PDB file of N, CA and C in Angstrom:
ATOM      1  N   UNK A   1       1.877  12.986   2.070  1.00  0.00           N
ATOM      2  CA  UNK A   1       2.684  12.400   3.116  1.00  0.00           C
ATOM      3  C   UNK A   1       4.138  12.815   2.941  1.00  0.00           C
ATOM      4  N   UNK A   2       4.759  13.140   4.045  1.00  0.00           N
ATOM      5  CA  UNK A   2       6.176  13.452   3.969  1.00  0.00           C
ATOM      6  C   UNK A   2       6.985  12.182   4.244  1.00  0.00           C
ATOM      7  N   UNK A   3       8.303  12.313   4.146  1.00  0.00           N
ATOM      8  CA  UNK A   3       9.194  11.177   4.303  1.00  0.00           C
ATOM      9  C   UNK A   3       8.972  10.435   5.625  1.00  0.00           C
ATOM     10  N   UNK A   4       8.832  11.171   6.714  1.00  0.00           N
ATOM     11  CA  UNK A   4       8.665  10.517   8.015  1.00  0.00           C
ATOM     12  C   UNK A   4       7.328   9.782   8.113  1.00  0.00           C
ATOM     13  N   UNK A   5       6.282  10.317   7.502  1.00  0.00           N
ATOM     14  CA  UNK A   5       4.980   9.642   7.503  1.00  0.00           C
ATOM     15  C   UNK A   5       5.027   8.370   6.653  1.00  0.00           C
ATOM     16  N   UNK A   6       5.756   8.432   5.544  1.00  0.00           N
ATOM     17  CA  UNK A   6       5.909   7.245   4.698  1.00  0.00           C
ATOM     18  C   UNK A   6       6.685   6.175   5.462  1.00  0.00           C
ATOM     19  N   UNK A   7       7.770   6.586   6.128  1.00  0.00           N
ATOM     20  CA  UNK A   7       8.548   5.641   6.924  1.00  0.00           C
ATOM     21  C   UNK A   7       7.698   5.001   8.015  1.00  0.00           C
ATOM     22  N   UNK A   8       6.854   5.787   8.646  1.00  0.00           N
ATOM     23  CA  UNK A   8       5.969   5.252   9.686  1.00  0.00           C
ATOM     24  C   UNK A   8       5.016   4.210   9.096  1.00  0.00           C
ATOM     25  N   UNK A   9       4.481   4.486   7.917  1.00  0.00           N
ATOM     26  CA  UNK A   9       3.568   3.536   7.274  1.00  0.00           C
ATOM     27  C   UNK A   9       4.317   2.273   6.849  1.00  0.00           C
ATOM     28  N   UNK A  10       5.524   2.432   6.309  1.00  0.00           N
ATOM     29  CA  UNK A  10       6.320   1.266   5.924  1.00  0.00           C
ATOM     30  C   UNK A  10       6.677   0.437   7.156  1.00  0.00           C
ATOM     31  N   UNK A  11       6.982   1.103   8.260  1.00  0.00           N
ATOM     32  CA  UNK A  11       7.273   0.405   9.515  1.00  0.00           C
ATOM     33  C   UNK A  11       6.055  -0.381   9.979  1.00  0.00           C
ATOM     34  N   UNK A  12       4.889   0.218   9.859  1.00  0.00           N
ATOM     35  CA  UNK A  12       3.647  -0.461  10.252  1.00  0.00           C
ATOM     36  C   UNK A  12       3.429  -1.704   9.394  1.00  0.00           C
ATOM     37  N   UNK A  13       3.618  -1.552   8.083  1.00  0.00           N
ATOM     38  CA  UNK A  13       3.397  -2.669   7.164  1.00  0.00           C
ATOM     39  C   UNK A  13       4.378  -3.806   7.473  1.00  0.00           C
ATOM     40  N   UNK A  14       5.657  -3.487   7.605  1.00  0.00           N
ATOM     41  CA  UNK A  14       6.632  -4.532   7.892  1.00  0.00           C
ATOM     42  C   UNK A  14       6.397  -5.125   9.277  1.00  0.00           C
ATOM     43  N   UNK A  15       5.977  -4.298  10.217  1.00  0.00           N
ATOM     44  CA  UNK A  15       5.654  -4.787  11.551  1.00  0.00           C
ATOM     45  C   UNK A  15       4.550  -5.830  11.513  1.00  0.00           C
ATOM     46  N   UNK A  16       3.560  -5.616  10.649  1.00  0.00           N
ATOM     47  CA  UNK A  16       2.490  -6.609  10.489  1.00  0.00           C
ATOM     48  C   UNK A  16       3.024  -7.893   9.869  1.00  0.00           C
ATOM     49  N   UNK A  17       3.875  -7.747   8.856  1.00  0.00           N
ATOM     50  CA  UNK A  17       4.430  -8.919   8.178  1.00  0.00           C
ATOM     51  C   UNK A  17       5.269  -9.754   9.145  1.00  0.00           C
ATOM     52  N   UNK A  18       6.070  -9.075   9.969  1.00  0.00           N
ATOM     53  CA  UNK A  18       6.980  -9.778  10.877  1.00  0.00           C
ATOM     54  C   UNK A  18       6.402  -9.956  12.278  1.00  0.00           C
ATOM     55  N   UNK A  19       5.183  -9.489  12.481  1.00  0.00           N
ATOM     56  CA  UNK A  19       4.528  -9.570  13.784  1.00  0.00           C
ATOM     57  C   UNK A  19       5.379  -8.908  14.876  1.00  0.00           C
ATOM     58  N   UNK A  20       5.792  -7.658  14.574  1.00  0.00           N
ATOM     59  CA  UNK A  20       6.618  -6.880  15.502  1.00  0.00           C
ATOM     60  C   UNK A  20       6.168  -5.428  15.456  1.00  0.00           C
ATOM     61  N   UNK A  21       5.290  -5.054  16.372  1.00  0.00           N
ATOM     62  CA  UNK A  21       4.731  -3.700  16.386  1.00  0.00           C
ATOM     63  C   UNK A  21       5.742  -2.645  16.799  1.00  0.00           C
ATOM     64  N   UNK A  22       6.914  -3.051  17.274  1.00  0.00           N
ATOM     65  CA  UNK A  22       7.925  -2.086  17.718  1.00  0.00           C
ATOM     66  C   UNK A  22       8.886  -1.702  16.602  1.00  0.00           C
ATOM     67  N   UNK A  23       8.740  -2.287  15.451  1.00  0.00           N
ATOM     68  CA  UNK A  23       9.661  -2.062  14.343  1.00  0.00           C
ATOM     69  C   UNK A  23       9.652  -0.608  13.884  1.00  0.00           C
ATOM     70  N   UNK A  24      10.824  -0.060  13.649  1.00  0.00           N
ATOM     71  CA  UNK A  24      10.940   1.316  13.154  1.00  0.00           C
ATOM     72  C   UNK A  24      12.005   1.355  12.066  1.00  0.00           C
ATOM     73  N   UNK A  25      11.587   1.676  10.853  1.00  0.00           N
ATOM     74  CA  UNK A  25      12.494   1.721   9.715  1.00  0.00           C
ATOM     75  C   UNK A  25      13.038   3.125   9.511  1.00  0.00           C
ATOM     76  N   UNK A  26      14.263   3.203   9.003  1.00  0.00           N
ATOM     77  CA  UNK A  26      14.871   4.475   8.633  1.00  0.00           C
ATOM     78  C   UNK A  26      15.218   4.453   7.158  1.00  0.00           C
ATOM     79  N   UNK A  27      15.647   5.559   6.634  1.00  0.00           N
ATOM     80  CA  UNK A  27      15.969   5.653   5.209  1.00  0.00           C
ATOM     81  C   UNK A  27      17.109   4.714   4.815  1.00  0.00           C
ATOM     82  N   UNK A  28      18.035   4.447   5.721  1.00  0.00           N
ATOM     83  CA  UNK A  28      19.178   3.607   5.378  1.00  0.00           C
ATOM     84  C   UNK A  28      19.007   2.155   5.827  1.00  0.00           C
ATOM     85  N   UNK A  29      17.835   1.797   6.357  1.00  0.00           N
ATOM     86  CA  UNK A  29      17.597   0.425   6.794  1.00  0.00           C
ATOM     87  C   UNK A  29      17.622  -0.515   5.594  1.00  0.00           C
ATOM     88  N   UNK A  30      18.386  -1.601   5.745  1.00  0.00           N
ATOM     89  CA  UNK A  30      18.445  -2.649   4.732  1.00  0.00           C
ATOM     90  C   UNK A  30      17.809  -3.907   5.299  1.00  0.00           C
ATOM     91  N   UNK A  31      17.428  -4.818   4.444  1.00  0.00           N
ATOM     92  CA  UNK A  31      16.791  -6.052   4.918  1.00  0.00           C
ATOM     93  C   UNK A  31      17.664  -6.779   5.926  1.00  0.00           C
ATOM     94  N   UNK A  32      18.968  -6.792   5.700  1.00  0.00           N
ATOM     95  CA  UNK A  32      19.883  -7.501   6.601  1.00  0.00           C
ATOM     96  C   UNK A  32      19.889  -6.903   8.005  1.00  0.00           C
ATOM     97  N   UNK A  33      19.429  -5.657   8.133  1.00  0.00           N
ATOM     98  CA  UNK A  33      19.398  -4.977   9.436  1.00  0.00           C
ATOM     99  C   UNK A  33      18.232  -5.434  10.313  1.00  0.00           C
ATOM    100  N   UNK A  34      17.243  -6.088   9.720  1.00  0.00           N
ATOM    101  CA  UNK A  34      16.017  -6.434  10.444  1.00  0.00           C
ATOM    102  C   UNK A  34      15.903  -7.952  10.577  1.00  0.00           C
ATOM    103  N   UNK A  35      15.965  -8.453  11.818  1.00  0.00           N
ATOM    104  CA  UNK A  35      15.840  -9.901  12.021  1.00  0.00           C
ATOM    105  C   UNK A  35      14.516 -10.439  11.443  1.00  0.00           C
ATOM    106  N   UNK A  36      14.631 -11.521  10.690  1.00  0.00           N
ATOM    107  CA  UNK A  36      13.439 -12.148  10.124  1.00  0.00           C
ATOM    108  C   UNK A  36      12.990 -11.586   8.786  1.00  0.00           C
ATOM    109  N   UNK A  37      13.667 -10.525   8.323  1.00  0.00           N
ATOM    110  CA  UNK A  37      13.252  -9.928   7.053  1.00  0.00           C
ATOM    111  C   UNK A  37      13.930 -10.679   5.909  1.00  0.00           C
ATOM    112  N   UNK A  38      13.425 -11.864   5.648  1.00  0.00           N
ATOM    113  CA  UNK A  38      13.963 -12.693   4.577  1.00  0.00           C
ATOM    114  C   UNK A  38      13.251 -12.372   3.264  1.00  0.00           C
ATOM    115  N   UNK A  39      13.586 -13.129   2.225  1.00  0.00           N
ATOM    116  CA  UNK A  39      13.007 -12.826   0.912  1.00  0.00           C
ATOM    117  C   UNK A  39      11.503 -13.047   0.861  1.00  0.00           C
ATOM    118  N   UNK A  40      10.999 -14.024   1.587  1.00  0.00           N
ATOM    119  CA  UNK A  40       9.553 -14.251   1.626  1.00  0.00           C
ATOM    120  C   UNK A  40       8.848 -13.075   2.305  1.00  0.00           C
ATOM    121  N   UNK A  41       9.390 -12.615   3.427  1.00  0.00           N
ATOM    122  CA  UNK A  41       8.820 -11.464   4.135  1.00  0.00           C
ATOM    123  C   UNK A  41       8.932 -10.202   3.276  1.00  0.00           C
ATOM    124  N   UNK A  42      10.016 -10.099   2.503  1.00  0.00           N
ATOM    125  CA  UNK A  42      10.206  -8.931   1.635  1.00  0.00           C
ATOM    126  C   UNK A  42       9.088  -8.860   0.593  1.00  0.00           C
ATOM    127  N   UNK A  43       8.764  -9.993  -0.010  1.00  0.00           N
ATOM    128  CA  UNK A  43       7.692 -10.013  -1.013  1.00  0.00           C
ATOM    129  C   UNK A  43       6.365  -9.619  -0.365  1.00  0.00           C
ATOM    130  N   UNK A  44       6.078 -10.173   0.802  1.00  0.00           N
ATOM    131  CA  UNK A  44       4.842  -9.801   1.504  1.00  0.00           C
ATOM    132  C   UNK A  44       4.826  -8.318   1.854  1.00  0.00           C
ATOM    133  N   UNK A  45       5.972  -7.783   2.240  1.00  0.00           N
ATOM    134  CA  UNK A  45       6.095  -6.357   2.539  1.00  0.00           C
ATOM    135  C   UNK A  45       5.805  -5.522   1.292  1.00  0.00           C
ATOM    136  N   UNK A  46       6.423  -5.882   0.177  1.00  0.00           N
ATOM    137  CA  UNK A  46       6.223  -5.125  -1.067  1.00  0.00           C
ATOM    138  C   UNK A  46       4.758  -5.162  -1.488  1.00  0.00           C
ATOM    139  N   UNK A  47       4.107  -6.299  -1.382  1.00  0.00           N
ATOM    140  CA  UNK A  47       2.678  -6.398  -1.710  1.00  0.00           C
ATOM    141  C   UNK A  47       1.878  -5.468  -0.796  1.00  0.00           C
ATOM    142  N   UNK A  48       2.217  -5.439   0.475  1.00  0.00           N
ATOM    143  CA  UNK A  48       1.545  -4.538   1.420  1.00  0.00           C
ATOM    144  C   UNK A  48       1.756  -3.084   1.069  1.00  0.00           C
ATOM    145  N   UNK A  49       2.964  -2.735   0.659  1.00  0.00           N
ATOM    146  CA  UNK A  49       3.271  -1.359   0.255  1.00  0.00           C
ATOM    147  C   UNK A  49       2.474  -0.992  -0.994  1.00  0.00           C
ATOM    148  N   UNK A  50       2.464  -1.893  -1.968  1.00  0.00           N
ATOM    149  CA  UNK A  50       1.721  -1.627  -3.201  1.00  0.00           C
ATOM    150  C   UNK A  50       0.235  -1.420  -2.912  1.00  0.00           C
ATOM    151  N   UNK A  51      -0.304  -2.217  -2.039  1.00  0.00           N
ATOM    152  CA  UNK A  51      -1.719  -2.097  -1.680  1.00  0.00           C
ATOM    153  C   UNK A  51      -1.993  -0.795  -0.942  1.00  0.00           C
ATOM    154  N   UNK A  52      -1.168  -0.485   0.050  1.00  0.00           N
ATOM    155  CA  UNK A  52      -1.383   0.701   0.868  1.00  0.00           C
ATOM    156  C   UNK A  52      -1.241   1.993   0.078  1.00  0.00           C
ATOM    157  N   UNK A  53      -0.307   2.005  -0.882  1.00  0.00           N
ATOM    158  CA  UNK A  53      -0.033   3.238  -1.614  1.00  0.00           C
ATOM    159  C   UNK A  53      -0.615   3.250  -3.025  1.00  0.00           C
ATOM    160  N   UNK A  54      -1.287   2.178  -3.421  1.00  0.00           N
ATOM    161  CA  UNK A  54      -1.927   2.147  -4.735  1.00  0.00           C
ATOM    162  C   UNK A  54      -0.955   2.187  -5.897  1.00  0.00           C
ATOM    163  N   UNK A  55       0.177   1.491  -5.754  1.00  0.00           N
ATOM    164  CA  UNK A  55       1.180   1.450  -6.820  1.00  0.00           C
ATOM    165  C   UNK A  55       1.457  -0.001  -7.177  1.00  0.00           C
ATOM    166  N   UNK A  56       2.160  -0.191  -8.269  1.00  0.00           N
ATOM    167  CA  UNK A  56       2.629  -1.522  -8.663  1.00  0.00           C
ATOM    168  C   UNK A  56       4.075  -1.355  -9.124  1.00  0.00           C
ATOM    169  N   UNK A  57       4.994  -1.988  -8.402  1.00  0.00           N
ATOM    170  CA  UNK A  57       6.402  -1.930  -8.775  1.00  0.00           C
ATOM    171  C   UNK A  57       6.715  -3.017  -9.791  1.00  0.00           C
ATOM    172  N   UNK A  58       7.669  -2.740 -10.684  1.00  0.00           N
ATOM    173  CA  UNK A  58       8.158  -3.752 -11.607  1.00  0.00           C
ATOM    174  C   UNK A  58       9.104  -4.671 -10.842  1.00  0.00           C
ATOM    175  N   UNK A  59       9.200  -5.906 -11.292  1.00  0.00           N
ATOM    176  CA  UNK A  59      10.046  -6.888 -10.621  1.00  0.00           C
ATOM    177  C   UNK A  59      11.488  -6.393 -10.537  1.00  0.00           C
ATOM    178  N   UNK A  60      12.010  -5.854 -11.619  1.00  0.00           N
ATOM    179  CA  UNK A  60      13.392  -5.353 -11.621  1.00  0.00           C
ATOM    180  C   UNK A  60      13.579  -4.244 -10.593  1.00  0.00           C
ATOM    181  N   UNK A  61      12.564  -3.422 -10.424  1.00  0.00           N
ATOM    182  CA  UNK A  61      12.619  -2.336  -9.451  1.00  0.00           C
ATOM    183  C   UNK A  61      12.670  -2.906  -8.029  1.00  0.00           C
ATOM    184  N   UNK A  62      11.813  -3.864  -7.762  1.00  0.00           N
ATOM    185  CA  UNK A  62      11.756  -4.492  -6.440  1.00  0.00           C
ATOM    186  C   UNK A  62      13.096  -5.136  -6.101  1.00  0.00           C
ATOM    187  N   UNK A  63      13.698  -5.792  -7.078  1.00  0.00           N
ATOM    188  CA  UNK A  63      14.976  -6.458  -6.864  1.00  0.00           C
ATOM    189  C   UNK A  63      16.131  -5.483  -6.678  1.00  0.00           C
ATOM    190  N   UNK A  64      15.955  -4.238  -7.114  1.00  0.00           N
ATOM    191  CA  UNK A  64      17.062  -3.280  -7.058  1.00  0.00           C
ATOM    192  C   UNK A  64      17.000  -2.321  -5.870  1.00  0.00           C
ATOM    193  N   UNK A  65      15.943  -2.363  -5.057  1.00  0.00           N
ATOM    194  CA  UNK A  65      15.874  -1.465  -3.900  1.00  0.00           C
ATOM    195  C   UNK A  65      16.974  -1.843  -2.899  1.00  0.00           C
ATOM    196  N   UNK A  66      17.988  -0.966  -2.710  1.00  0.00           N
ATOM    197  CA  UNK A  66      19.072  -1.311  -1.785  1.00  0.00           C
ATOM    198  C   UNK A  66      18.710  -1.103  -0.315  1.00  0.00           C
ATOM    199  N   UNK A  67      17.760  -0.209  -0.092  1.00  0.00           N
ATOM    200  CA  UNK A  67      17.368   0.113   1.283  1.00  0.00           C
ATOM    201  C   UNK A  67      15.964   0.695   1.284  1.00  0.00           C
ATOM    202  N   UNK A  68      15.454   0.969   2.480  1.00  0.00           N
ATOM    203  CA  UNK A  68      14.092   1.497   2.617  1.00  0.00           C
ATOM    204  C   UNK A  68      13.974   2.879   1.964  1.00  0.00           C
ATOM    205  N   UNK A  69      15.036   3.657   2.027  1.00  0.00           N
ATOM    206  CA  UNK A  69      15.019   4.990   1.414  1.00  0.00           C
ATOM    207  C   UNK A  69      14.702   4.946  -0.074  1.00  0.00           C
ATOM    208  N   UNK A  70      15.186   3.920  -0.753  1.00  0.00           N
ATOM    209  CA  UNK A  70      14.906   3.784  -2.189  1.00  0.00           C
ATOM    210  C   UNK A  70      13.417   3.549  -2.421  1.00  0.00           C
ATOM    211  N   UNK A  71      12.781   2.823  -1.529  1.00  0.00           N
ATOM    212  CA  UNK A  71      11.335   2.592  -1.647  1.00  0.00           C
ATOM    213  C   UNK A  71      10.587   3.903  -1.398  1.00  0.00           C
ATOM    214  N   UNK A  72      11.010   4.636  -0.386  1.00  0.00           N
ATOM    215  CA  UNK A  72      10.386   5.937  -0.089  1.00  0.00           C
ATOM    216  C   UNK A  72      10.512   6.861  -1.293  1.00  0.00           C
ATOM    217  N   UNK A  73      11.717   6.939  -1.861  1.00  0.00           N
ATOM    218  CA  UNK A  73      11.933   7.813  -3.024  1.00  0.00           C
ATOM    219  C   UNK A  73      11.082   7.378  -4.218  1.00  0.00           C
ATOM    220  N   UNK A  74      10.941   6.070  -4.421  1.00  0.00           N
ATOM    221  CA  UNK A  74      10.113   5.566  -5.524  1.00  0.00           C
ATOM    222  C   UNK A  74       8.651   5.942  -5.314  1.00  0.00           C
ATOM    223  N   UNK A  75       8.184   5.852  -4.083  1.00  0.00           N
ATOM    224  CA  UNK A  75       6.798   6.229  -3.788  1.00  0.00           C
ATOM    225  C   UNK A  75       6.577   7.715  -4.019  1.00  0.00           C
ATOM    226  N   UNK A  76       7.522   8.536  -3.573  1.00  0.00           N
ATOM    227  CA  UNK A  76       7.398   9.983  -3.764  1.00  0.00           C
ATOM    228  C   UNK A  76       7.430  10.329  -5.256  1.00  0.00           C
ATOM    229  N   UNK A  77       8.330   9.691  -6.004  1.00  0.00           N
ATOM    230  CA  UNK A  77       8.447   9.956  -7.436  1.00  0.00           C
ATOM    231  C   UNK A  77       7.159   9.616  -8.190  1.00  0.00           C
ATOM    232  N   UNK A  78       6.454   8.613  -7.729  1.00  0.00           N
ATOM    233  CA  UNK A  78       5.188   8.209  -8.375  1.00  0.00           C
ATOM    234  C   UNK A  78       4.004   9.003  -7.893  1.00  0.00           C
ATOM    235  N   UNK A  79       4.219   9.883  -6.935  1.00  0.00           N
ATOM    236  CA  UNK A  79       3.112  10.653  -6.396  1.00  0.00           C
ATOM    237  C   UNK A  79       2.238   9.820  -5.481  1.00  0.00           C
ATOM    238  N   UNK A  80       2.669   8.600  -5.175  1.00  0.00           N
ATOM    239  CA  UNK A  80       1.863   7.713  -4.338  1.00  0.00           C
ATOM    240  C   UNK A  80       1.782   8.213  -2.906  1.00  0.00           C
ATOM    241  N   UNK A  81       2.784   8.952  -2.494  1.00  0.00           N
ATOM    242  CA  UNK A  81       2.807   9.456  -1.111  1.00  0.00           C
ATOM    243  C   UNK A  81       1.638  10.419  -0.878  1.00  0.00           C
ATOM    244  N   UNK A  82       1.159  11.051  -1.943  1.00  0.00           N
ATOM    245  CA  UNK A  82       0.019  11.967  -1.798  1.00  0.00           C
ATOM    246  C   UNK A  82      -1.257  11.188  -1.531  1.00  0.00           C
ATOM    247  N   UNK A  83      -1.345   9.982  -2.076  1.00  0.00           N
ATOM    248  CA  UNK A  83      -2.517   9.134  -1.869  1.00  0.00           C
ATOM    249  C   UNK A  83      -2.447   8.501  -0.496  1.00  0.00           C
ATOM    250  N   UNK A  84      -1.246   7.950  -0.199  1.00  0.00           N
ATOM    251  CA  UNK A  84      -0.937   7.393   1.110  1.00  0.00           C
ATOM    252  C   UNK A  84      -1.998   6.526   1.757  1.00  0.00           C
ATOM    253  N   UNK A  85      -1.594   5.888   2.794  1.00  0.00           N
ATOM    254  CA  UNK A  85      -2.509   4.990   3.493  1.00  0.00           C
ATOM    255  C   UNK A  85      -3.319   5.710   4.522  1.00  0.00           C
TER     256      UNK A  85
END
């Protein structure tokens, strides 16, 4: 999966969590940019990402993601993007 395919999958996952099929994430999207993306939704999103990509993030890693791009880069670094959803 390339960056745009990963972003599309992350958008789908967050769209399910927030019940918004129109959601589209970019590399610089932060939680504050998305209405309703609170800490509870963030945890549900991360669990969805871990499930879809077959990875497990450390708590410190999850807490340090400044934006969606950091999640994409972490997935690519782990080779999870090759497994993809």
